[in-house]
Amino acid sequence: MSSAPHCVTILADTHGMKHVNEAQKLYASGDGTGSLQVLDDLLELAPRNPEALRLKARILDSWGRFEESYQTLLKLSQLPNPSEEIVQEIEQRAIEEREAVLFSELTSHGRWYYSFPSSQLWVSIVGLMGCAFFLISSSQVNFANPNEVMAMALSFFFLVLLPCVFLAVIQLTGIKRIMVGLRGMTVCTRFSEKLYPWDELKAAVIEFDPDPRVDFLRLKIFAHGDAKDPLLNLDVSRAKSVVKARRHFLKSVITHMDTVCYVMRKEADVRIGRKDVTAQDGSQSNELPPKAG
C-alpha cells in the first residue's frame, strides 16, 4: 500500500514531462495558442509544474497580458529551490517593472511616460567613440598631404557628422512622451501636443502575434462610433516600444477604457466596429485568444 503514492507521483511526473515537451514543440513551431492550451491542461493536474508555469508566463507576456504573466511568475517564485534560469527570469521582470519609476514622472495631472529609443543610445555611443577617434587621429595628419586631408575629411563625415545627423532625426521625429492623466491621454512630439479626452475614447485593442517568439505588440485606441481607423496606434513591443515603461503604461491606459480586447495580429482591424467593441458604457470586454483544438 505504501508504494501506491510513489507510483502515482512517478506517473504524474512522466505525464507532466510529456505535456511540457509537447507544449515546447508547439511553442518552437510558433503555435502559441496550442502550446498554451496544453500548458493549461497540464496545470489543472499539476499546478506547481515549474517548466509549465515558466513557459505559460513567457507566452502571456509576449501577448501583452502582463498581469497574468506576472501572477504566473509569482507562483514560480513560491516554489522550493527554483532553478537559476527561473530566478533570472523573475529578476528580469522586476527590473522591467522598475522602469515605471525610472522612465516616468508622476504629476498632479497624471503620469508622464517618456520615450527612450534604443537607437538613440547606440547612435550616441557611436558618435562619442567616433569623436574620440577623430580627435586622436586628426592630430597626426600631415596637412601638406592631400590624401591624408581627404581621409580626415571622410572620417569626420562618417564618425562625427553622420551620427549627429541621425541623432537629430531621432530627436525631431516621433513621440517624445505620453501622459495618462485625469482628463485623458496627452501625446507629445517635439513640436506638438494633443489631448485625447477619456470620454471620447471607446476601446483599447491590444494586437499581438500568435507566435510568441515574434516581438510584436501594438496598442490601438478607438473613438466612439463606427470608425475603423484607430486614433492612436502605438508600438508597445519589447524592442520598439514608444515608451520605455511599457508594462506600467499599458496597464494604466486599459484601466480607463470601457472596452479592452486582446486580438491576434491581422484580426484587429476586421473586428473593429463589430460586437467586440460595441459593449455598453461601463462594461469591459477582455477577449482572450481562442484555444486550439
Foldseek 3Di string as FASTA:
>chain_A
DVCVVVVVVVVLVVVLVVLLVVLVVCLVVQQQLQSLVSLVVNCVVVVLDLSSLQSNLLLCVLLLVNVVSLVSLVSNVPDPPRDPVSVVVNVVVVVLQCVLVVQWDQDPFFIKFFFDAPVLVVLVVQLVVLVVVLVVVVVPADVVDPVSVVVSVVSCCVRHVVSVVVNVVVQQDAWGMWGDGDQAIWTDGPPDIDGDGLQQWAEWEWEGASNSVDQFIWIFICGPDQDLHGPDIFTLTCNGGRGSSSSVVVVSRLVSHQEYERYYPPCSSVCRNHPRRPDDGNHYDYHDDDHDD
